[in-house]
Amino acid sequence: QVQVVESGGGSVQAGGSLRLSCTASGLTLNDYAMGWFRQAPGKEREGVSCISWTGSSTYYGDSVKGRFIISRDNAKNTLYLQMNSLKPEDTAMYYCAALRFMTLDVRADKNAFAAWGQGTLVTVSS
């Protein structure tokens, strides 16, 4: 049974930092590209960042470029998202996804998404 689990969410003031982690069981993360997506209340899910199998290539959404850093440690089967200079508009549920190809488009071919986590909540106060 595949299980993807995010952790590291919480409440932080604007300008602060958080680091999210994502691990998986029943699935070897280094067989997949990996991505972080988020969904704010009343809004559609959007792509935040994704990373290639080896970590050599990364994509970022325009709203997080220069503030967030995605990384992975395949030896630990773990994906990370370092979030700096957080803003209230970053408040959302953050989801980790195993990807068959790199994409930030949640409307992409559904075959892109091999597995999703249940999410971890990030709340940024002003």
PDB file of N, CA and C in Angstrom:
ATOM      1  N   GLN A   1       0.847  -1.192   0.000  1.00  0.00           N
ATOM      2  CA  GLN A   1       0.000   0.000   0.000  1.00  0.00           C
ATOM      3  C   GLN A   1       0.880   1.238   0.000  1.00  0.00           C
ATOM      4  N   VAL A   2       0.619   2.128  -0.934  1.00  0.00           N
ATOM      5  CA  VAL A   2       1.393   3.357  -1.050  1.00  0.00           C
ATOM      6  C   VAL A   2       0.865   4.401  -0.068  1.00  0.00           C
ATOM      7  N   GLN A   3       1.779   4.983   0.684  1.00  0.00           N
ATOM      8  CA  GLN A   3       1.405   6.057   1.589  1.00  0.00           C
ATOM      9  C   GLN A   3       2.436   7.161   1.511  1.00  0.00           C
ATOM     10  N   VAL A   4       1.978   8.356   1.230  1.00  0.00           N
ATOM     11  CA  VAL A   4       2.836   9.541   1.173  1.00  0.00           C
ATOM     12  C   VAL A   4       2.434  10.447   2.326  1.00  0.00           C
ATOM     13  N   VAL A   5       3.414  10.888   3.112  1.00  0.00           N
ATOM     14  CA  VAL A   5       3.120  11.644   4.327  1.00  0.00           C
ATOM     15  C   VAL A   5       3.937  12.924   4.371  1.00  0.00           C
ATOM     16  N   GLU A   6       3.234  14.037   4.507  1.00  0.00           N
ATOM     17  CA  GLU A   6       3.889  15.335   4.668  1.00  0.00           C
ATOM     18  C   GLU A   6       3.973  15.689   6.149  1.00  0.00           C
ATOM     19  N   SER A   7       4.964  16.488   6.497  1.00  0.00           N
ATOM     20  CA  SER A   7       5.094  16.997   7.849  1.00  0.00           C
ATOM     21  C   SER A   7       5.796  18.343   7.804  1.00  0.00           C
ATOM     22  N   GLY A   8       5.760  19.049   8.930  1.00  0.00           N
ATOM     23  CA  GLY A   8       6.487  20.306   9.038  1.00  0.00           C
ATOM     24  C   GLY A   8       5.635  21.548   8.945  1.00  0.00           C
ATOM     25  N   GLY A   9       4.362  21.388   8.673  1.00  0.00           N
ATOM     26  CA  GLY A   9       3.498  22.558   8.619  1.00  0.00           C
ATOM     27  C   GLY A   9       3.295  23.161  10.004  1.00  0.00           C
ATOM     28  N   GLY A  10       2.709  24.329  10.032  1.00  0.00           N
ATOM     29  CA  GLY A  10       2.461  24.993  11.300  1.00  0.00           C
ATOM     30  C   GLY A  10       2.093  26.441  11.087  1.00  0.00           C
ATOM     31  N   SER A  11       2.104  27.178  12.178  1.00  0.00           N
ATOM     32  CA  SER A  11       1.776  28.600  12.130  1.00  0.00           C
ATOM     33  C   SER A  11       3.033  29.422  12.312  1.00  0.00           C
ATOM     34  N   VAL A  12       3.161  30.453  11.515  1.00  0.00           N
ATOM     35  CA  VAL A  12       4.349  31.294  11.554  1.00  0.00           C
ATOM     36  C   VAL A  12       3.946  32.718  11.183  1.00  0.00           C
ATOM     37  N   GLN A  13       4.700  33.680  11.660  1.00  0.00           N
ATOM     38  CA  GLN A  13       4.435  35.065  11.292  1.00  0.00           C
ATOM     39  C   GLN A  13       5.063  35.382   9.948  1.00  0.00           C
ATOM     40  N   ALA A  14       4.498  36.376   9.304  1.00  0.00           N
ATOM     41  CA  ALA A  14       5.038  36.812   8.015  1.00  0.00           C
ATOM     42  C   ALA A  14       6.526  37.121   8.141  1.00  0.00           C
ATOM     43  N   GLY A  15       7.277  36.688   7.154  1.00  0.00           N
ATOM     44  CA  GLY A  15       8.720  36.853   7.167  1.00  0.00           C
ATOM     45  C   GLY A  15       9.465  35.672   7.727  1.00  0.00           C
ATOM     46  N   GLY A  16       8.730  34.760   8.347  1.00  0.00           N
ATOM     47  CA  GLY A  16       9.348  33.591   8.948  1.00  0.00           C
ATOM     48  C   GLY A  16       9.598  32.480   7.940  1.00  0.00           C
ATOM     49  N   SER A  17      10.073  31.358   8.462  1.00  0.00           N
ATOM     50  CA  SER A  17      10.444  30.215   7.628  1.00  0.00           C
ATOM     51  C   SER A  17       9.859  28.926   8.186  1.00  0.00           C
ATOM     52  N   LEU A  18       9.645  27.989   7.306  1.00  0.00           N
ATOM     53  CA  LEU A  18       9.256  26.632   7.663  1.00  0.00           C
ATOM     54  C   LEU A  18       9.910  25.682   6.676  1.00  0.00           C
ATOM     55  N   ARG A  19      10.143  24.457   7.104  1.00  0.00           N
ATOM     56  CA  ARG A  19      10.620  23.419   6.195  1.00  0.00           C
ATOM     57  C   ARG A  19       9.653  22.248   6.220  1.00  0.00           C
ATOM     58  N   LEU A  20       9.108  21.948   5.086  1.00  0.00           N
ATOM     59  CA  LEU A  20       8.221  20.806   4.943  1.00  0.00           C
ATOM     60  C   LEU A  20       9.025  19.585   4.505  1.00  0.00           C
ATOM     61  N   SER A  21       8.570  18.420   4.956  1.00  0.00           N
ATOM     62  CA  SER A  21       9.178  17.158   4.547  1.00  0.00           C
ATOM     63  C   SER A  21       8.098  16.225   4.020  1.00  0.00           C
ATOM     64  N   CYS A  22       8.532  15.316   3.168  1.00  0.00           N
ATOM     65  CA  CYS A  22       7.612  14.333   2.597  1.00  0.00           C
ATOM     66  C   CYS A  22       8.338  12.998   2.510  1.00  0.00           C
ATOM     67  N   THR A  23       7.749  11.982   3.098  1.00  0.00           N
ATOM     68  CA  THR A  23       8.302  10.641   3.002  1.00  0.00           C
ATOM     69  C   THR A  23       7.227   9.707   2.450  1.00  0.00           C
ATOM     70  N   ALA A  24       7.657   8.517   2.064  1.00  0.00           N
ATOM     71  CA  ALA A  24       6.702   7.581   1.474  1.00  0.00           C
ATOM     72  C   ALA A  24       7.023   6.158   1.871  1.00  0.00           C
ATOM     73  N   SER A  25       5.988   5.374   1.959  1.00  0.00           N
ATOM     74  CA  SER A  25       6.136   3.933   2.132  1.00  0.00           C
ATOM     75  C   SER A  25       5.398   3.245   0.986  1.00  0.00           C
ATOM     76  N   GLY A  26       5.898   2.084   0.602  1.00  0.00           N
ATOM     77  CA  GLY A  26       5.283   1.386  -0.524  1.00  0.00           C
ATOM     78  C   GLY A  26       5.604   2.017  -1.870  1.00  0.00           C
ATOM     79  N   LEU A  27       6.534   2.948  -1.854  1.00  0.00           N
ATOM     80  CA  LEU A  27       6.881   3.668  -3.077  1.00  0.00           C
ATOM     81  C   LEU A  27       8.289   4.221  -2.884  1.00  0.00           C
ATOM     82  N   THR A  28       9.138   4.019  -3.858  1.00  0.00           N
ATOM     83  CA  THR A  28      10.506   4.537  -3.776  1.00  0.00           C
ATOM     84  C   THR A  28      10.532   5.891  -4.470  1.00  0.00           C
ATOM     85  N   LEU A  29      10.741   6.951  -3.705  1.00  0.00           N
ATOM     86  CA  LEU A  29      10.633   8.300  -4.250  1.00  0.00           C
ATOM     87  C   LEU A  29      11.604   8.553  -5.389  1.00  0.00           C
ATOM     88  N   ASN A  30      12.784   7.915  -5.358  1.00  0.00           N
ATOM     89  CA  ASN A  30      13.740   8.214  -6.425  1.00  0.00           C
ATOM     90  C   ASN A  30      13.375   7.551  -7.755  1.00  0.00           C
ATOM     91  N   ASP A  31      12.250   6.855  -7.798  1.00  0.00           N
ATOM     92  CA  ASP A  31      11.709   6.374  -9.073  1.00  0.00           C
ATOM     93  C   ASP A  31      10.837   7.435  -9.738  1.00  0.00           C
ATOM     94  N   TYR A  32      10.638   8.566  -9.030  1.00  0.00           N
ATOM     95  CA  TYR A  32       9.704   9.586  -9.502  1.00  0.00           C
ATOM     96  C   TYR A  32      10.311  10.984  -9.405  1.00  0.00           C
ATOM     97  N   ALA A  33       9.859  11.846 -10.295  1.00  0.00           N
ATOM     98  CA  ALA A  33       9.989  13.259 -10.012  1.00  0.00           C
ATOM     99  C   ALA A  33       9.026  13.540  -8.852  1.00  0.00           C
ATOM    100  N   MET A  34       9.251  14.631  -8.138  1.00  0.00           N
ATOM    101  CA  MET A  34       8.426  14.930  -6.980  1.00  0.00           C
ATOM    102  C   MET A  34       7.993  16.389  -7.023  1.00  0.00           C
ATOM    103  N   GLY A  35       6.846  16.661  -6.437  1.00  0.00           N
ATOM    104  CA  GLY A  35       6.364  18.033  -6.460  1.00  0.00           C
ATOM    105  C   GLY A  35       5.626  18.417  -5.200  1.00  0.00           C
ATOM    106  N   TRP A  36       5.579  19.707  -4.969  1.00  0.00           N
ATOM    107  CA  TRP A  36       4.771  20.298  -3.907  1.00  0.00           C
ATOM    108  C   TRP A  36       3.668  21.136  -4.561  1.00  0.00           C
ATOM    109  N   PHE A  37       2.486  20.960  -4.053  1.00  0.00           N
ATOM    110  CA  PHE A  37       1.319  21.697  -4.519  1.00  0.00           C
ATOM    111  C   PHE A  37       0.614  22.260  -3.297  1.00  0.00           C
ATOM    112  N   ARG A  38      -0.203  23.292  -3.496  1.00  0.00           N
ATOM    113  CA  ARG A  38      -0.917  23.851  -2.352  1.00  0.00           C
ATOM    114  C   ARG A  38      -2.319  24.271  -2.744  1.00  0.00           C
ATOM    115  N   GLN A  39      -3.175  24.318  -1.741  1.00  0.00           N
ATOM    116  CA  GLN A  39      -4.546  24.739  -1.962  1.00  0.00           C
ATOM    117  C   GLN A  39      -5.005  25.600  -0.804  1.00  0.00           C
ATOM    118  N   ALA A  40      -5.299  26.848  -1.118  1.00  0.00           N
ATOM    119  CA  ALA A  40      -5.816  27.771  -0.117  1.00  0.00           C
ATOM    120  C   ALA A  40      -7.336  27.652  -0.071  1.00  0.00           C
ATOM    121  N   PRO A  41      -7.951  28.023   1.051  1.00  0.00           N
ATOM    122  CA  PRO A  41      -9.412  27.938   1.158  1.00  0.00           C
ATOM    123  C   PRO A  41     -10.097  28.701   0.035  1.00  0.00           C
ATOM    124  N   GLY A  42     -11.019  28.037  -0.630  1.00  0.00           N
ATOM    125  CA  GLY A  42     -11.779  28.678  -1.684  1.00  0.00           C
ATOM    126  C   GLY A  42     -11.051  28.829  -3.003  1.00  0.00           C
ATOM    127  N   LYS A  43      -9.844  28.293  -3.086  1.00  0.00           N
ATOM    128  CA  LYS A  43      -9.056  28.423  -4.317  1.00  0.00           C
ATOM    129  C   LYS A  43      -8.715  27.054  -4.881  1.00  0.00           C
ATOM    130  N   GLU A  44      -8.320  27.049  -6.151  1.00  0.00           N
ATOM    131  CA  GLU A  44      -7.914  25.804  -6.779  1.00  0.00           C
ATOM    132  C   GLU A  44      -6.515  25.408  -6.317  1.00  0.00           C
ATOM    133  N   ARG A  45      -6.241  24.116  -6.404  1.00  0.00           N
ATOM    134  CA  ARG A  45      -4.900  23.631  -6.086  1.00  0.00           C
ATOM    135  C   ARG A  45      -3.933  24.163  -7.144  1.00  0.00           C
ATOM    136  N   GLU A  46      -2.756  24.593  -6.697  1.00  0.00           N
ATOM    137  CA  GLU A  46      -1.758  25.120  -7.621  1.00  0.00           C
ATOM    138  C   GLU A  46      -0.406  24.488  -7.364  1.00  0.00           C
ATOM    139  N   GLY A  47       0.402  24.454  -8.410  1.00  0.00           N
ATOM    140  CA  GLY A  47       1.746  23.924  -8.299  1.00  0.00           C
ATOM    141  C   GLY A  47       2.676  24.918  -7.636  1.00  0.00           C
ATOM    142  N   VAL A  48       3.494  24.435  -6.723  1.00  0.00           N
ATOM    143  CA  VAL A  48       4.464  25.273  -6.022  1.00  0.00           C
ATOM    144  C   VAL A  48       5.863  25.049  -6.573  1.00  0.00           C
ATOM    145  N   SER A  49       6.266  23.785  -6.614  1.00  0.00           N
ATOM    146  CA  SER A  49       7.609  23.464  -7.074  1.00  0.00           C
ATOM    147  C   SER A  49       7.687  21.980  -7.391  1.00  0.00           C
ATOM    148  N   CYS A  50       8.592  21.615  -8.307  1.00  0.00           N
ATOM    149  CA  CYS A  50       8.853  20.202  -8.548  1.00  0.00           C
ATOM    150  C   CYS A  50      10.326  20.004  -8.851  1.00  0.00           C
ATOM    151  N   ILE A  51      10.757  18.763  -8.718  1.00  0.00           N
ATOM    152  CA  ILE A  51      12.173  18.438  -8.830  1.00  0.00           C
ATOM    153  C   ILE A  51      12.315  17.124  -9.573  1.00  0.00           C
ATOM    154  N   SER A  52      13.372  17.031 -10.360  1.00  0.00           N
ATOM    155  CA  SER A  52      13.598  15.838 -11.159  1.00  0.00           C
ATOM    156  C   SER A  52      14.065  14.665 -10.292  1.00  0.00           C
ATOM    157  N   TRP A  53      14.169  13.498 -10.898  1.00  0.00           N
ATOM    158  CA  TRP A  53      14.542  12.272 -10.204  1.00  0.00           C
ATOM    159  C   TRP A  53      15.876  12.431  -9.467  1.00  0.00           C
ATOM    160  N   THR A  54      16.843  13.077 -10.123  1.00  0.00           N
ATOM    161  CA  THR A  54      18.168  13.210  -9.517  1.00  0.00           C
ATOM    162  C   THR A  54      18.330  14.493  -8.717  1.00  0.00           C
ATOM    163  N   GLY A  55      17.371  15.381  -8.873  1.00  0.00           N
ATOM    164  CA  GLY A  55      17.482  16.675  -8.203  1.00  0.00           C
ATOM    165  C   GLY A  55      18.210  17.728  -9.020  1.00  0.00           C
ATOM    166  N   SER A  56      18.591  17.385 -10.232  1.00  0.00           N
ATOM    167  CA  SER A  56      19.370  18.309 -11.046  1.00  0.00           C
ATOM    168  C   SER A  56      18.519  19.394 -11.699  1.00  0.00           C
ATOM    169  N   SER A  57      17.214  19.190 -11.743  1.00  0.00           N
ATOM    170  CA  SER A  57      16.326  20.158 -12.377  1.00  0.00           C
ATOM    171  C   SER A  57      15.172  20.487 -11.447  1.00  0.00           C
ATOM    172  N   THR A  58      14.835  21.770 -11.372  1.00  0.00           N
ATOM    173  CA  THR A  58      13.729  22.205 -10.511  1.00  0.00           C
ATOM    174  C   THR A  58      12.875  23.235 -11.246  1.00  0.00           C
ATOM    175  N   TYR A  59      11.619  23.266 -10.926  1.00  0.00           N
ATOM    176  CA  TYR A  59      10.696  24.287 -11.405  1.00  0.00           C
ATOM    177  C   TYR A  59      10.073  24.956 -10.179  1.00  0.00           C
ATOM    178  N   TYR A  60       9.748  26.232 -10.315  1.00  0.00           N
ATOM    179  CA  TYR A  60       9.059  26.956  -9.252  1.00  0.00           C
ATOM    180  C   TYR A  60       7.916  27.781  -9.833  1.00  0.00           C
ATOM    181  N   GLY A  61       6.838  27.866  -9.087  1.00  0.00           N
ATOM    182  CA  GLY A  61       5.776  28.777  -9.458  1.00  0.00           C
ATOM    183  C   GLY A  61       6.240  30.215  -9.270  1.00  0.00           C
ATOM    184  N   ASP A  62       5.695  31.121 -10.047  1.00  0.00           N
ATOM    185  CA  ASP A  62       6.145  32.511 -10.016  1.00  0.00           C
ATOM    186  C   ASP A  62       6.001  33.121  -8.621  1.00  0.00           C
ATOM    187  N   SER A  63       4.981  32.724  -7.893  1.00  0.00           N
ATOM    188  CA  SER A  63       4.719  33.349  -6.600  1.00  0.00           C
ATOM    189  C   SER A  63       5.711  32.946  -5.517  1.00  0.00           C
ATOM    190  N   VAL A  64       6.502  31.906  -5.743  1.00  0.00           N
ATOM    191  CA  VAL A  64       7.420  31.445  -4.714  1.00  0.00           C
ATOM    192  C   VAL A  64       8.886  31.520  -5.152  1.00  0.00           C
ATOM    193  N   LYS A  65       9.133  31.882  -6.384  1.00  0.00           N
ATOM    194  CA  LYS A  65      10.518  31.970  -6.873  1.00  0.00           C
ATOM    195  C   LYS A  65      11.329  32.917  -6.013  1.00  0.00           C
ATOM    196  N   GLY A  66      12.526  32.451  -5.644  1.00  0.00           N
ATOM    197  CA  GLY A  66      13.417  33.271  -4.837  1.00  0.00           C
ATOM    198  C   GLY A  66      13.162  33.165  -3.345  1.00  0.00           C
ATOM    199  N   ARG A  67      12.067  32.510  -2.947  1.00  0.00           N
ATOM    200  CA  ARG A  67      11.742  32.366  -1.530  1.00  0.00           C
ATOM    201  C   ARG A  67      11.730  30.900  -1.084  1.00  0.00           C
ATOM    202  N   PHE A  68      11.299  30.010  -1.938  1.00  0.00           N
ATOM    203  CA  PHE A  68      11.195  28.588  -1.601  1.00  0.00           C
ATOM    204  C   PHE A  68      12.305  27.809  -2.307  1.00  0.00           C
ATOM    205  N   ILE A  69      12.746  26.741  -1.653  1.00  0.00           N
ATOM    206  CA  ILE A  69      13.756  25.861  -2.238  1.00  0.00           C
ATOM    207  C   ILE A  69      13.311  24.414  -2.075  1.00  0.00           C
ATOM    208  N   ILE A  70      13.224  23.712  -3.185  1.00  0.00           N
ATOM    209  CA  ILE A  70      12.878  22.297  -3.150  1.00  0.00           C
ATOM    210  C   ILE A  70      14.158  21.471  -3.217  1.00  0.00           C
ATOM    211  N   SER A  71      14.183  20.367  -2.481  1.00  0.00           N
ATOM    212  CA  SER A  71      15.337  19.476  -2.520  1.00  0.00           C
ATOM    213  C   SER A  71      14.872  18.073  -2.180  1.00  0.00           C
ATOM    214  N   ARG A  72      15.739  17.125  -2.428  1.00  0.00           N
ATOM    215  CA  ARG A  72      15.405  15.748  -2.119  1.00  0.00           C
ATOM    216  C   ARG A  72      16.646  15.002  -1.661  1.00  0.00           C
ATOM    217  N   ASP A  73      16.433  14.024  -0.806  1.00  0.00           N
ATOM    218  CA  ASP A  73      17.501  13.139  -0.354  1.00  0.00           C
ATOM    219  C   ASP A  73      17.026  11.720  -0.669  1.00  0.00           C
ATOM    220  N   ASN A  74      17.465  11.199  -1.789  1.00  0.00           N
ATOM    221  CA  ASN A  74      16.973   9.889  -2.212  1.00  0.00           C
ATOM    222  C   ASN A  74      17.421   8.778  -1.271  1.00  0.00           C
ATOM    223  N   ALA A  75      18.550   8.951  -0.631  1.00  0.00           N
ATOM    224  CA  ALA A  75      19.013   7.946   0.328  1.00  0.00           C
ATOM    225  C   ALA A  75      18.056   7.833   1.511  1.00  0.00           C
ATOM    226  N   LYS A  76      17.418   8.942   1.838  1.00  0.00           N
ATOM    227  CA  LYS A  76      16.461   8.967   2.948  1.00  0.00           C
ATOM    228  C   LYS A  76      15.021   8.876   2.462  1.00  0.00           C
ATOM    229  N   ASN A  77      14.860   8.752   1.129  1.00  0.00           N
ATOM    230  CA  ASN A  77      13.509   8.661   0.565  1.00  0.00           C
ATOM    231  C   ASN A  77      12.646   9.841   1.002  1.00  0.00           C
ATOM    232  N   THR A  78      13.224  11.024   0.995  1.00  0.00           N
ATOM    233  CA  THR A  78      12.560  12.205   1.549  1.00  0.00           C
ATOM    234  C   THR A  78      12.675  13.401   0.606  1.00  0.00           C
ATOM    235  N   LEU A  79      11.586  14.129   0.532  1.00  0.00           N
ATOM    236  CA  LEU A  79      11.507  15.366  -0.230  1.00  0.00           C
ATOM    237  C   LEU A  79      11.344  16.522   0.753  1.00  0.00           C
ATOM    238  N   TYR A  80      11.924  17.673   0.425  1.00  0.00           N
ATOM    239  CA  TYR A  80      11.845  18.833   1.308  1.00  0.00           C
ATOM    240  C   TYR A  80      11.350  20.065   0.544  1.00  0.00           C
ATOM    241  N   LEU A  81      10.791  20.997   1.305  1.00  0.00           N
ATOM    242  CA  LEU A  81      10.492  22.318   0.775  1.00  0.00           C
ATOM    243  C   LEU A  81      10.858  23.335   1.847  1.00  0.00           C
ATOM    244  N   GLN A  82      11.939  24.065   1.628  1.00  0.00           N
ATOM    245  CA  GLN A  82      12.332  25.147   2.521  1.00  0.00           C
ATOM    246  C   GLN A  82      11.596  26.405   2.094  1.00  0.00           C
ATOM    247  N   MET A  83      10.808  26.937   3.003  1.00  0.00           N
ATOM    248  CA  MET A  83       9.997  28.110   2.700  1.00  0.00           C
ATOM    249  C   MET A  83      10.487  29.286   3.534  1.00  0.00           C
ATOM    250  N   ASN A  84      10.992  30.297   2.870  1.00  0.00           N
ATOM    251  CA  ASN A  84      11.515  31.489   3.523  1.00  0.00           C
ATOM    252  C   ASN A  84      10.684  32.711   3.163  1.00  0.00           C
ATOM    253  N   SER A  85      10.838  33.748   3.948  1.00  0.00           N
ATOM    254  CA  SER A  85      10.126  35.015   3.697  1.00  0.00           C
ATOM    255  C   SER A  85       8.638  34.760   3.453  1.00  0.00           C
ATOM    256  N   LEU A  86       8.058  33.992   4.324  1.00  0.00           N
ATOM    257  CA  LEU A  86       6.662  33.604   4.132  1.00  0.00           C
ATOM    258  C   LEU A  86       5.734  34.811   4.205  1.00  0.00           C
ATOM    259  N   LYS A  87       4.677  34.736   3.402  1.00  0.00           N
ATOM    260  CA  LYS A  87       3.681  35.793   3.320  1.00  0.00           C
ATOM    261  C   LYS A  87       2.312  35.227   3.698  1.00  0.00           C
ATOM    262  N   PRO A  88       1.400  36.061   4.136  1.00  0.00           N
ATOM    263  CA  PRO A  88       0.050  35.555   4.454  1.00  0.00           C
ATOM    264  C   PRO A  88      -0.588  34.814   3.277  1.00  0.00           C
ATOM    265  N   GLU A  89      -0.286  35.238   2.067  1.00  0.00           N
ATOM    266  CA  GLU A  89      -0.863  34.564   0.890  1.00  0.00           C
ATOM    267  C   GLU A  89      -0.277  33.177   0.639  1.00  0.00           C
ATOM    268  N   ASP A  90       0.734  32.794   1.408  1.00  0.00           N
ATOM    269  CA  ASP A  90       1.257  31.425   1.337  1.00  0.00           C
ATOM    270  C   ASP A  90       0.431  30.467   2.193  1.00  0.00           C
ATOM    271  N   THR A  91      -0.504  30.990   2.958  1.00  0.00           N
ATOM    272  CA  THR A  91      -1.357  30.145   3.790  1.00  0.00           C
ATOM    273  C   THR A  91      -2.151  29.177   2.930  1.00  0.00           C
ATOM    274  N   ALA A  92      -1.998  27.883   3.215  1.00  0.00           N
ATOM    275  CA  ALA A  92      -2.643  26.848   2.402  1.00  0.00           C
ATOM    276  C   ALA A  92      -2.345  25.485   2.990  1.00  0.00           C
ATOM    277  N   MET A  93      -3.048  24.493   2.472  1.00  0.00           N
ATOM    278  CA  MET A  93      -2.676  23.107   2.712  1.00  0.00           C
ATOM    279  C   MET A  93      -1.655  22.751   1.641  1.00  0.00           C
ATOM    280  N   TYR A  94      -0.534  22.213   2.060  1.00  0.00           N
ATOM    281  CA  TYR A  94       0.541  21.840   1.141  1.00  0.00           C
ATOM    282  C   TYR A  94       0.561  20.330   0.955  1.00  0.00           C
ATOM    283  N   TYR A  95       0.600  19.921  -0.302  1.00  0.00           N
ATOM    284  CA  TYR A  95       0.556  18.511  -0.652  1.00  0.00           C
ATOM    285  C   TYR A  95       1.826  18.100  -1.393  1.00  0.00           C
ATOM    286  N   CYS A  96       2.283  16.917  -1.101  1.00  0.00           N
ATOM    287  CA  CYS A  96       3.400  16.300  -1.785  1.00  0.00           C
ATOM    288  C   CYS A  96       2.840  15.321  -2.817  1.00  0.00           C
ATOM    289  N   ALA A  97       3.474  15.257  -3.974  1.00  0.00           N
ATOM    290  CA  ALA A  97       3.021  14.326  -5.009  1.00  0.00           C
ATOM    291  C   ALA A  97       4.203  13.659  -5.688  1.00  0.00           C
ATOM    292  N   ALA A  98       4.071  12.387  -5.944  1.00  0.00           N
ATOM    293  CA  ALA A  98       5.026  11.659  -6.774  1.00  0.00           C
ATOM    294  C   ALA A  98       4.582  11.813  -8.220  1.00  0.00           C
ATOM    295  N   LEU A  99       5.493  12.224  -9.070  1.00  0.00           N
ATOM    296  CA  LEU A  99       5.165  12.578 -10.448  1.00  0.00           C
ATOM    297  C   LEU A  99       5.844  11.660 -11.449  1.00  0.00           C
ATOM    298  N   ARG A 100       5.118  11.262 -12.475  1.00  0.00           N
ATOM    299  CA  ARG A 100       5.731  10.468 -13.542  1.00  0.00           C
ATOM    300  C   ARG A 100       6.488  11.365 -14.512  1.00  0.00           C
ATOM    301  N   PHE A 101       6.161  12.638 -14.533  1.00  0.00           N
ATOM    302  CA  PHE A 101       6.964  13.616 -15.253  1.00  0.00           C
ATOM    303  C   PHE A 101       6.816  14.953 -14.542  1.00  0.00           C
ATOM    304  N   MET A 102       7.761  15.851 -14.738  1.00  0.00           N
ATOM    305  CA  MET A 102       7.760  17.126 -14.028  1.00  0.00           C
ATOM    306  C   MET A 102       6.659  18.018 -14.572  1.00  0.00           C
ATOM    307  N   THR A 103       5.836  18.491 -13.662  1.00  0.00           N
ATOM    308  CA  THR A 103       4.797  19.431 -14.031  1.00  0.00           C
ATOM    309  C   THR A 103       4.339  20.187 -12.802  1.00  0.00           C
ATOM    310  N   LEU A 104       3.921  21.433 -12.988  1.00  0.00           N
ATOM    311  CA  LEU A 104       3.282  22.205 -11.937  1.00  0.00           C
ATOM    312  C   LEU A 104       1.805  22.417 -12.248  1.00  0.00           C
ATOM    313  N   ASP A 105       1.365  21.811 -13.338  1.00  0.00           N
ATOM    314  CA  ASP A 105      -0.007  22.013 -13.790  1.00  0.00           C
ATOM    315  C   ASP A 105      -0.885  20.891 -13.266  1.00  0.00           C
ATOM    316  N   VAL A 106      -1.736  21.213 -12.296  1.00  0.00           N
ATOM    317  CA  VAL A 106      -2.580  20.181 -11.715  1.00  0.00           C
ATOM    318  C   VAL A 106      -3.630  19.695 -12.703  1.00  0.00           C
ATOM    319  N   ARG A 107      -3.793  20.450 -13.811  1.00  0.00           N
ATOM    320  CA  ARG A 107      -4.737  20.027 -14.841  1.00  0.00           C
ATOM    321  C   ARG A 107      -4.048  19.216 -15.926  1.00  0.00           C
ATOM    322  N   ALA A 108      -2.763  18.907 -15.706  1.00  0.00           N
ATOM    323  CA  ALA A 108      -2.027  18.077 -16.659  1.00  0.00           C
ATOM    324  C   ALA A 108      -2.638  16.676 -16.702  1.00  0.00           C
ATOM    325  N   ASP A 109      -2.141  15.890 -17.661  1.00  0.00           N
ATOM    326  CA  ASP A 109      -2.530  14.490 -17.751  1.00  0.00           C
ATOM    327  C   ASP A 109      -2.539  13.883 -16.352  1.00  0.00           C
ATOM    328  N   LYS A 110      -3.682  13.319 -15.982  1.00  0.00           N
ATOM    329  CA  LYS A 110      -3.791  12.740 -14.639  1.00  0.00           C
ATOM    330  C   LYS A 110      -2.779  11.638 -14.416  1.00  0.00           C
ATOM    331  N   ASN A 111      -2.274  11.060 -15.500  1.00  0.00           N
ATOM    332  CA  ASN A 111      -1.246  10.027 -15.341  1.00  0.00           C
ATOM    333  C   ASN A 111       0.051  10.580 -14.781  1.00  0.00           C
ATOM    334  N   ALA A 112       0.171  11.908 -14.760  1.00  0.00           N
ATOM    335  CA  ALA A 112       1.383  12.512 -14.210  1.00  0.00           C
ATOM    336  C   ALA A 112       1.519  12.225 -12.725  1.00  0.00           C
ATOM    337  N   PHE A 113       0.393  12.077 -12.057  1.00  0.00           N
ATOM    338  CA  PHE A 113       0.390  12.006 -10.598  1.00  0.00           C
ATOM    339  C   PHE A 113       0.276  10.553 -10.135  1.00  0.00           C
ATOM    340  N   ALA A 114       1.391  10.035  -9.615  1.00  0.00           N
ATOM    341  CA  ALA A 114       1.412   8.645  -9.178  1.00  0.00           C
ATOM    342  C   ALA A 114       0.847   8.476  -7.772  1.00  0.00           C
ATOM    343  N   ALA A 115       1.034   9.473  -6.928  1.00  0.00           N
ATOM    344  CA  ALA A 115       0.547   9.389  -5.545  1.00  0.00           C
ATOM    345  C   ALA A 115       0.510  10.773  -4.926  1.00  0.00           C
ATOM    346  N   TRP A 116      -0.439  10.977  -4.032  1.00  0.00           N
ATOM    347  CA  TRP A 116      -0.584  12.229  -3.292  1.00  0.00           C
ATOM    348  C   TRP A 116      -0.547  11.951  -1.794  1.00  0.00           C
ATOM    349  N   GLY A 117      -0.027  12.918  -1.048  1.00  0.00           N
ATOM    350  CA  GLY A 117      -0.150  12.860   0.392  1.00  0.00           C
ATOM    351  C   GLY A 117      -1.446  13.498   0.851  1.00  0.00           C
ATOM    352  N   GLN A 118      -1.664  13.479   2.151  1.00  0.00           N
ATOM    353  CA  GLN A 118      -2.892  14.037   2.729  1.00  0.00           C
ATOM    354  C   GLN A 118      -2.758  15.532   3.038  1.00  0.00           C
ATOM    355  N   GLY A 119      -1.562  16.048   2.996  1.00  0.00           N
ATOM    356  CA  GLY A 119      -1.363  17.476   3.171  1.00  0.00           C
ATOM    357  C   GLY A 119      -0.921  17.858   4.568  1.00  0.00           C
ATOM    358  N   THR A 120      -0.259  18.995   4.640  1.00  0.00           N
ATOM    359  CA  THR A 120       0.122  19.598   5.905  1.00  0.00           C
ATOM    360  C   THR A 120      -0.212  21.088   5.828  1.00  0.00           C
ATOM    361  N   LEU A 121      -0.803  21.617   6.880  1.00  0.00           N
ATOM    362  CA  LEU A 121      -1.322  22.979   6.857  1.00  0.00           C
ATOM    363  C   LEU A 121      -0.254  23.994   7.248  1.00  0.00           C
ATOM    364  N   VAL A 122      -0.131  25.009   6.434  1.00  0.00           N
ATOM    365  CA  VAL A 122       0.758  26.140   6.710  1.00  0.00           C
ATOM    366  C   VAL A 122      -0.101  27.389   6.862  1.00  0.00           C
ATOM    367  N   THR A 123       0.070  28.068   7.988  1.00  0.00           N
ATOM    368  CA  THR A 123      -0.678  29.299   8.249  1.00  0.00           C
ATOM    369  C   THR A 123       0.309  30.415   8.530  1.00  0.00           C
ATOM    370  N   VAL A 124       0.218  31.476   7.753  1.00  0.00           N
ATOM    371  CA  VAL A 124       1.118  32.618   7.914  1.00  0.00           C
ATOM    372  C   VAL A 124       0.290  33.826   8.328  1.00  0.00           C
ATOM    373  N   SER A 125       0.613  34.386   9.475  1.00  0.00           N
ATOM    374  CA  SER A 125      -0.131  35.529   9.986  1.00  0.00           C
ATOM    375  C   SER A 125       0.643  36.822   9.727  1.00  0.00           C
ATOM    376  N   SER A 126      -0.105  37.899   9.554  1.00  0.00           N
ATOM    377  CA  SER A 126       0.530  39.188   9.260  1.00  0.00           C
ATOM    378  C   SER A 126       0.897  39.921  10.537  1.00  0.00           C
TER     379      SER A 126
END
